[in-house]
Amino acid sequence: MTQIIARALRSRTTTHCQPFSLRRTITTFLATLLLAIPATSVWAQPVADWPTVEALAKKEGTLSLYHNLRPSGIEKLLSEFRKTYPGIKTEQMRLGSAPLIERFATEFTAGRNLADVVITFPDETMLKGVDTGGWALEWTPPELSAFKPDINRGNKMFAVHTSRNVIIWNKQRVKAADAPKEWTDLWDPKWKGKVAMDPPWRSIAVQGLIAHWSNIGLSDSAQKLKANDVRFFEGSAGVFQAVLRGDALVGTLADLPLEPGLVDGAPIGFVYPKSGTAINDGYVMVPAKAPHINAGKLFANWVMSAHGQVVLQEIGGLPGTRPGITPPKFIPATASLSNVVDSLAISSSAQQTQAINTWREVFGIR
């Protein structure tokens, strides 16, 4: 580039060239050159000075995490983060995915920005807020280069783990020959009053499962499960514990607590039905108006690191998305499951709302 400018100057610098003319030539040439550089060039997107981000995060000294990870594992995740970055105080707020997104949206609209980083399973409201609503910071984590491109949503949100809907049963109370194999087994009369599930108005994962049931011809699932006296428990952890205690014998849930439970020796059987299952990617996002934005970047990038992914997978119980990390010990990889469908691809915001309203009406819950 220096040679180009020099040639341009030599071509214009003659004995008759005045200083003003020379300045105008340089200005015109540089303006033309800058306009010719693509917007995606390194000039338009400078590489972040990561040591500066780390220094600023330590100066901020606080991290506020909004999430819907397993409550029994979150402190280990934060503890491991603090080992890497001592001196940063961590705070956390946990809700189910749907109420978490609703809370963040309410706070953002009110200008009450409290979250520095968010990990959750997004719905259409969140995707719209991220894509066009100004919710998320646009940036490039240093660890992003280790991932496949499909985990990146516009450099604003990054998929870090994946949940899959599954059927479980208590192996001490249910014989292997009698164990459920397909979704339709959940409304078999032999399980009347013994089926547990997370309610769809609480979880995006359940909304996706209901959409999957409809797509494979299993209609009127709310009426069938009501007729079979299904029992609702709070979240996947609540369903898992209910089946483990024997309050219910079988259940359906997103598989967040399954791997950790099996690691601990829980007598739980499970199946991912051959008719398919709905999955949800959990994403990490740094809010654009985070009060401690550098600390948020630090945590998001750490969760995407090889160590962070292994810890997240261990405490969250879900397969991480970073290639090359050690897979879970007991539950299968997503790639090995049949007819896997993305909840967001089969369940629009309108369909999610309709499912919630239908189930509330059928069960008389307002």
Protein backbone atom coordinates (compact mmCIF):
# COMPACT_ATOMS: atom_id res chain seq x y z
CA MET A 1 0.00 0.00 0.00
CA THR A 2 2.90 2.35 0.78
CA GLN A 3 4.23 1.76 -2.72
CA ILE A 4 0.85 2.58 -4.25
CA ILE A 5 0.67 5.89 -2.39
CA ALA A 6 4.26 6.72 -3.33
CA ARG A 7 3.60 6.10 -7.03
CA ALA A 8 0.52 8.29 -6.86
CA LEU A 9 2.50 11.11 -5.28
CA ARG A 10 5.32 10.83 -7.81
CA SER A 11 2.83 10.98 -10.67
CA ARG A 12 1.40 14.27 -9.33
CA THR A 13 4.52 15.94 -7.92
CA THR A 14 5.95 18.11 -10.71
CA THR A 15 7.62 21.50 -10.74
CA HIS A 16 4.20 23.05 -11.35
CA CYS A 17 2.36 21.26 -8.49
CA GLN A 18 1.26 23.53 -5.64
CA PRO A 19 1.03 22.34 -1.99
CA PHE A 20 -2.77 22.67 -1.94
CA SER A 21 -3.07 20.54 -5.07
CA LEU A 22 -0.81 17.92 -3.53
CA ARG A 23 -2.85 17.76 -0.34
CA ARG A 24 -6.05 17.44 -2.35
CA THR A 25 -4.53 14.62 -4.41
CA ILE A 26 -3.54 12.69 -1.28
CA THR A 27 -6.96 13.22 0.34
CA THR A 28 -8.86 12.14 -2.76
CA PHE A 29 -6.69 9.06 -3.24
CA LEU A 30 -6.99 7.91 0.37
CA ALA A 31 -10.77 8.43 0.40
CA THR A 32 -11.11 6.33 -2.77
CA LEU A 33 -8.87 3.65 -1.30
CA LEU A 34 -10.86 3.44 1.93
CA LEU A 35 -14.17 3.18 0.06
CA ALA A 36 -12.74 0.30 -1.95
CA ILE A 37 -11.89 -1.77 1.15
CA PRO A 38 -14.69 -4.29 1.94
CA ALA A 39 -16.65 -3.77 5.15
CA THR A 40 -15.59 -7.22 6.28
CA SER A 41 -11.88 -6.39 6.15
CA VAL A 42 -9.65 -6.42 9.18
CA TRP A 43 -9.74 -2.62 9.18
CA ALA A 44 -13.50 -2.70 9.83
CA GLN A 45 -13.27 -5.52 12.38
CA PRO A 46 -10.10 -5.15 14.44
CA VAL A 47 -9.06 -8.09 16.59
CA ALA A 48 -9.88 -7.44 20.24
CA ASP A 49 -7.00 -6.95 22.67
CA TRP A 50 -7.86 -9.88 24.94
CA PRO A 51 -5.35 -9.04 27.70
CA THR A 52 -7.06 -5.65 27.96
CA VAL A 53 -10.46 -7.36 28.26
CA GLU A 54 -9.08 -9.54 31.05
CA ALA A 55 -7.62 -6.55 32.86
CA LEU A 56 -10.87 -4.58 32.59
CA ALA A 57 -12.88 -7.59 33.79
CA LYS A 58 -10.68 -7.90 36.87
CA LYS A 59 -11.17 -4.20 37.50
CA GLU A 60 -14.95 -4.61 37.24
CA GLY A 61 -14.62 -7.42 39.77
CA THR A 62 -18.19 -8.75 39.50
CA LEU A 63 -20.05 -11.17 37.25
CA SER A 64 -23.82 -11.64 37.22
CA LEU A 65 -24.92 -14.85 35.46
CA TYR A 66 -28.52 -15.50 34.38
CA HIS A 67 -29.04 -19.20 33.59
CA ASN A 68 -31.18 -22.32 33.75
CA LEU A 69 -28.42 -24.83 34.46
CA ARG A 70 -28.81 -27.52 37.11
CA PRO A 71 -28.94 -25.85 40.55
CA SER A 72 -26.80 -28.57 42.13
CA GLY A 73 -23.97 -27.98 39.68
CA ILE A 74 -23.85 -24.25 39.11
CA GLU A 75 -21.59 -23.48 42.06
CA LYS A 76 -18.95 -25.88 40.75
CA LEU A 77 -19.06 -24.13 37.37
CA LEU A 78 -18.62 -20.72 39.02
CA SER A 79 -15.92 -22.09 41.32
CA GLU A 80 -13.91 -23.40 38.37
CA PHE A 81 -14.28 -20.03 36.64
CA ARG A 82 -13.03 -18.25 39.75
CA LYS A 83 -10.00 -20.56 39.85
CA THR A 84 -9.09 -19.32 36.40
CA TYR A 85 -9.97 -15.72 37.18
CA PRO A 86 -9.58 -15.15 40.93
CA GLY A 87 -10.79 -11.86 42.29
CA ILE A 88 -14.03 -11.77 40.28
CA LYS A 89 -17.08 -12.13 42.52
CA THR A 90 -19.83 -14.21 40.95
CA GLU A 91 -23.58 -13.86 41.37
CA GLN A 92 -26.27 -15.94 39.71
CA MET A 93 -30.00 -16.02 39.07
CA ARG A 94 -31.69 -19.22 37.92
CA LEU A 95 -35.10 -19.61 36.29
CA GLY A 96 -36.70 -21.94 33.75
CA SER A 97 -35.94 -20.94 30.18
CA ALA A 98 -39.30 -19.29 29.43
CA PRO A 99 -39.54 -17.15 32.62
CA LEU A 100 -35.82 -16.34 32.36
CA ILE A 101 -36.28 -14.87 28.88
CA GLU A 102 -39.40 -13.03 29.99
CA ARG A 103 -37.53 -11.51 32.91
CA PHE A 104 -34.58 -10.44 30.78
CA ALA A 105 -36.91 -8.87 28.21
CA THR A 106 -38.78 -6.95 30.92
CA GLU A 107 -35.54 -5.66 32.46
CA PHE A 108 -34.11 -4.69 29.08
CA THR A 109 -37.24 -2.76 28.11
CA ALA A 110 -37.23 -0.97 31.46
CA GLY A 111 -33.56 -0.06 31.12
CA ARG A 112 -32.74 -2.11 34.21
CA ASN A 113 -29.77 -4.08 32.93
CA LEU A 114 -28.48 -6.52 35.55
CA ALA A 115 -27.14 -9.56 33.66
CA ASP A 116 -23.53 -9.71 32.48
CA VAL A 117 -23.90 -13.06 30.73
CA VAL A 118 -26.85 -15.36 29.94
CA ILE A 119 -26.94 -19.12 29.33
CA THR A 120 -30.32 -20.51 28.33
CA PHE A 121 -32.39 -22.24 25.67
CA PRO A 122 -33.80 -19.49 23.44
CA ASP A 123 -37.31 -19.12 22.08
CA GLU A 124 -38.44 -16.88 19.22
CA THR A 125 -38.74 -13.90 21.55
CA MET A 126 -35.09 -14.20 22.51
CA LEU A 127 -33.95 -14.82 18.95
CA LYS A 128 -35.76 -11.69 17.79
CA GLY A 129 -34.31 -9.70 20.68
CA VAL A 130 -30.82 -10.90 19.82
CA ASP A 131 -31.09 -10.55 16.04
CA THR A 132 -32.82 -7.17 15.80
CA GLY A 133 -33.69 -5.92 19.27
CA GLY A 134 -30.27 -4.91 20.51
CA TRP A 135 -30.19 -7.48 23.32
CA ALA A 136 -26.77 -8.97 22.60
CA LEU A 137 -23.25 -7.68 22.14
CA GLU A 138 -21.72 -8.45 18.75
CA TRP A 139 -18.18 -9.72 19.27
CA THR A 140 -15.81 -12.58 18.51
CA PRO A 141 -14.70 -14.74 21.45
CA PRO A 142 -11.10 -15.94 21.05
CA GLU A 143 -12.27 -19.56 21.58
CA LEU A 144 -14.82 -19.36 18.73
CA SER A 145 -12.31 -20.58 16.16
CA ALA A 146 -12.34 -24.05 17.77
CA PHE A 147 -16.06 -24.58 16.99
CA LYS A 148 -18.06 -25.46 13.92
CA PRO A 149 -19.68 -22.43 12.22
CA ASP A 150 -23.25 -23.53 12.97
CA ILE A 151 -22.95 -22.74 16.70
CA ASN A 152 -22.50 -19.04 15.91
CA ARG A 153 -25.58 -16.84 15.60
CA GLY A 154 -24.35 -13.59 14.08
CA ASN A 155 -21.42 -13.25 16.50
CA LYS A 156 -24.01 -12.44 19.16
CA MET A 157 -24.98 -15.80 20.62
CA PHE A 158 -23.08 -19.10 20.69
CA ALA A 159 -24.42 -22.65 21.24
CA VAL A 160 -22.48 -24.32 24.06
CA HIS A 161 -24.52 -27.46 24.85
CA THR A 162 -27.54 -29.47 23.69
CA SER A 163 -30.51 -30.99 25.53
CA ARG A 164 -32.68 -33.82 24.18
CA ASN A 165 -36.11 -34.98 25.36
CA VAL A 166 -36.04 -38.49 26.81
CA ILE A 167 -38.22 -41.04 28.63
CA ILE A 168 -36.96 -42.38 31.97
CA TRP A 169 -38.15 -44.99 34.48
CA ASN A 170 -37.30 -46.31 37.91
CA LYS A 171 -35.39 -49.56 37.35
CA GLN A 172 -36.15 -50.79 40.88
CA ARG A 173 -39.90 -50.51 40.30
CA VAL A 174 -40.22 -51.22 36.57
CA LYS A 175 -39.08 -54.45 34.91
CA ALA A 176 -37.02 -54.10 31.76
CA ALA A 177 -39.65 -55.92 29.71
CA ASP A 178 -42.33 -53.48 30.89
CA ALA A 179 -40.28 -50.30 30.43
CA PRO A 180 -41.62 -47.71 27.97
CA LYS A 181 -40.07 -47.63 24.53
CA GLU A 182 -42.09 -44.95 22.73
CA TRP A 183 -43.89 -41.69 23.50
CA THR A 184 -47.29 -43.39 23.17
CA ASP A 185 -46.38 -45.57 26.16
CA LEU A 186 -46.80 -42.49 28.35
CA TRP A 187 -50.57 -42.65 27.92
CA ASP A 188 -50.82 -46.42 28.32
CA PRO A 189 -53.38 -47.06 31.12
CA LYS A 190 -50.91 -49.28 32.97
CA TRP A 191 -49.04 -46.08 33.90
CA LYS A 192 -52.15 -44.21 35.06
CA GLY A 193 -51.17 -41.77 37.81
CA LYS A 194 -47.53 -42.83 37.51
CA VAL A 195 -46.26 -40.54 34.71
CA ALA A 196 -44.28 -37.40 35.54
CA MET A 197 -43.46 -34.45 33.28
CA ASP A 198 -42.40 -30.83 33.30
CA PRO A 199 -45.37 -28.59 32.33
CA PRO A 200 -45.14 -26.95 28.90
CA TRP A 201 -45.82 -23.46 30.24
CA ARG A 202 -42.54 -23.68 32.12
CA SER A 203 -40.18 -25.12 29.51
CA ILE A 204 -39.36 -24.43 25.86
CA ALA A 205 -38.05 -28.02 25.64
CA VAL A 206 -41.51 -29.42 26.45
CA GLN A 207 -43.12 -27.09 23.92
CA GLY A 208 -40.77 -28.50 21.29
CA LEU A 209 -41.62 -32.05 22.33
CA ILE A 210 -45.34 -31.34 21.99
CA ALA A 211 -44.71 -29.98 18.49
CA HIS A 212 -42.74 -33.13 17.65
CA TRP A 213 -45.57 -35.32 18.89
CA SER A 214 -47.97 -33.45 16.62
CA ASN A 215 -45.61 -33.77 13.64
CA ILE A 216 -45.42 -37.56 13.98
CA GLY A 217 -49.18 -37.90 14.28
CA LEU A 218 -49.57 -38.05 18.06
CA SER A 219 -52.44 -35.61 18.41
CA ASP A 220 -54.44 -34.68 21.52
CA SER A 221 -51.46 -35.38 23.78
CA ALA A 222 -52.79 -33.06 26.49
CA GLN A 223 -56.14 -34.88 26.69
CA LYS A 224 -54.46 -38.30 26.63
CA LEU A 225 -52.03 -37.44 29.41
CA LYS A 226 -54.79 -35.83 31.48
CA ALA A 227 -56.83 -39.01 31.09
CA ASN A 228 -53.79 -40.92 32.34
CA ASP A 229 -53.49 -38.65 35.39
CA VAL A 230 -50.06 -37.25 34.45
CA ARG A 231 -48.31 -35.49 37.34
CA PHE A 232 -46.45 -32.21 36.89
CA PHE A 233 -43.16 -31.50 38.64
CA GLU A 234 -40.97 -28.42 38.62
CA GLY A 235 -38.45 -28.71 35.81
CA SER A 236 -36.43 -31.66 34.56
CA ALA A 237 -34.73 -31.98 37.94
CA GLY A 238 -38.12 -32.25 39.62
CA VAL A 239 -39.24 -34.99 37.22
CA PHE A 240 -35.98 -36.90 37.69
CA GLN A 241 -36.23 -36.77 41.47
CA ALA A 242 -39.90 -37.80 41.41
CA VAL A 243 -39.09 -40.93 39.40
CA LEU A 244 -36.02 -41.64 41.54
CA ARG A 245 -38.10 -41.41 44.76
CA GLY A 246 -40.88 -43.54 43.30
CA ASP A 247 -43.47 -40.75 43.40
CA ALA A 248 -43.83 -41.59 39.71
CA LEU A 249 -42.57 -44.66 37.88
CA VAL A 250 -41.91 -43.17 34.43
CA GLY A 251 -41.43 -39.66 33.14
CA THR A 252 -40.42 -37.45 30.25
CA LEU A 253 -37.93 -34.63 30.61
CA ALA A 254 -35.11 -32.76 28.94
CA ASP A 255 -32.04 -34.81 29.76
CA LEU A 256 -30.18 -32.20 31.83
CA PRO A 257 -30.15 -34.27 35.07
CA LEU A 258 -29.77 -37.69 33.43
CA GLU A 259 -25.98 -37.95 32.99
CA PRO A 260 -25.13 -36.58 36.48
CA GLY A 261 -27.73 -38.87 38.03
CA LEU A 262 -26.32 -41.92 36.29
CA VAL A 263 -22.80 -40.92 37.31
CA ASP A 264 -24.05 -40.93 40.91
CA GLY A 265 -25.46 -44.43 40.46
CA ALA A 266 -29.16 -43.56 40.24
CA PRO A 267 -31.23 -46.66 39.28
CA ILE A 268 -32.79 -44.96 36.30
CA GLY A 269 -33.44 -46.48 32.88
CA PHE A 270 -33.90 -44.31 29.82
CA VAL A 271 -34.74 -44.36 26.13
CA TYR A 272 -34.66 -41.86 23.28
CA PRO A 273 -37.60 -43.18 21.19
CA LYS A 274 -36.88 -44.31 17.65
CA SER A 275 -39.75 -42.13 16.43
CA GLY A 276 -37.47 -39.21 17.21
CA THR A 277 -36.97 -36.51 19.78
CA ALA A 278 -36.86 -32.73 19.96
CA ILE A 279 -33.60 -31.06 20.91
CA ASN A 280 -32.65 -27.59 22.09
CA ASP A 281 -29.28 -25.88 21.90
CA GLY A 282 -28.32 -23.87 24.96
CA TYR A 283 -26.65 -20.58 24.05
CA VAL A 284 -24.38 -18.14 25.83
CA MET A 285 -24.90 -14.41 25.26
CA VAL A 286 -23.25 -11.26 26.57
CA PRO A 287 -25.96 -8.57 26.86
CA ALA A 288 -25.18 -5.40 24.93
CA LYS A 289 -25.89 -3.30 28.03
CA ALA A 290 -24.26 -5.56 30.61
CA PRO A 291 -23.06 -3.56 33.63
CA HIS A 292 -19.82 -5.59 33.70
CA ILE A 293 -19.45 -6.32 30.02
CA ASN A 294 -15.81 -7.40 30.12
CA ALA A 295 -16.51 -9.88 32.91
CA GLY A 296 -19.37 -11.20 30.76
CA LYS A 297 -16.99 -11.67 27.84
CA LEU A 298 -14.50 -13.41 30.09
CA PHE A 299 -17.06 -15.92 31.34
CA ALA A 300 -18.58 -16.59 27.90
CA ASN A 301 -15.16 -17.23 26.40
CA TRP A 302 -14.20 -19.45 29.36
CA VAL A 303 -17.36 -21.57 28.92
CA MET A 304 -16.33 -22.06 25.29
CA SER A 305 -12.80 -23.15 26.22
CA ALA A 306 -11.93 -26.85 26.34
CA HIS A 307 -11.83 -26.80 30.14
CA GLY A 308 -15.02 -24.76 30.45
CA GLN A 309 -16.86 -27.09 28.07
CA VAL A 310 -15.87 -30.16 30.07
CA VAL A 311 -17.00 -28.54 33.33
CA LEU A 312 -20.25 -27.32 31.75
CA GLN A 313 -20.91 -30.78 30.36
CA GLU A 314 -20.22 -32.37 33.73
CA ILE A 315 -22.37 -30.07 35.84
CA GLY A 316 -25.04 -29.48 33.21
CA GLY A 317 -25.26 -33.09 32.13
CA LEU A 318 -25.51 -32.18 28.44
CA PRO A 319 -23.15 -32.82 25.53
CA GLY A 320 -20.94 -29.81 24.85
CA THR A 321 -20.67 -28.42 21.33
CA ARG A 322 -16.89 -28.01 21.15
CA PRO A 323 -15.33 -30.64 18.86
CA GLY A 324 -12.79 -32.95 20.46
CA ILE A 325 -13.92 -32.79 24.10
CA THR A 326 -14.52 -36.01 26.01
CA PRO A 327 -18.17 -37.07 25.46
CA PRO A 328 -20.56 -37.85 28.34
CA LYS A 329 -20.02 -41.29 29.86
CA PHE A 330 -23.59 -42.60 30.00
CA ILE A 331 -25.86 -40.74 27.59
CA PRO A 332 -25.44 -41.04 23.80
CA ALA A 333 -24.19 -38.36 21.46
CA THR A 334 -26.87 -36.45 19.59
CA ALA A 335 -25.52 -37.72 16.27
CA SER A 336 -26.40 -41.30 17.27
CA LEU A 337 -30.10 -40.55 17.90
CA SER A 338 -32.77 -41.14 15.25
CA ASN A 339 -35.02 -38.44 13.79
CA VAL A 340 -33.61 -35.56 15.83
CA VAL A 341 -35.46 -32.27 15.25
CA ASP A 342 -34.68 -28.78 16.49
CA SER A 343 -37.51 -27.47 18.67
CA LEU A 344 -37.20 -23.96 17.21
CA ALA A 345 -37.48 -25.32 13.68
CA ILE A 346 -40.83 -27.02 14.34
CA SER A 347 -42.43 -24.72 16.90
CA SER A 348 -43.00 -21.04 16.16
CA SER A 349 -43.81 -18.48 18.82
CA ALA A 350 -47.49 -18.69 17.88
CA GLN A 351 -47.44 -22.48 18.12
CA GLN A 352 -45.70 -22.32 21.50
CA THR A 353 -48.36 -19.94 22.81
CA GLN A 354 -51.13 -22.13 21.43
CA ALA A 355 -49.64 -25.23 23.06
CA ILE A 356 -49.41 -23.50 26.43
CA ASN A 357 -52.97 -22.21 26.22
CA THR A 358 -54.29 -25.62 25.15
CA TRP A 359 -52.58 -27.45 27.98
CA ARG A 360 -53.65 -24.87 30.55
CA GLU A 361 -57.24 -25.17 29.37
CA VAL A 362 -57.22 -28.98 29.36
CA PHE A 363 -55.75 -29.13 32.88
CA GLY A 364 -57.76 -26.18 34.20
CA ILE A 365 -54.69 -24.12 35.08
CA ARG A 366 -54.86 -20.35 34.61
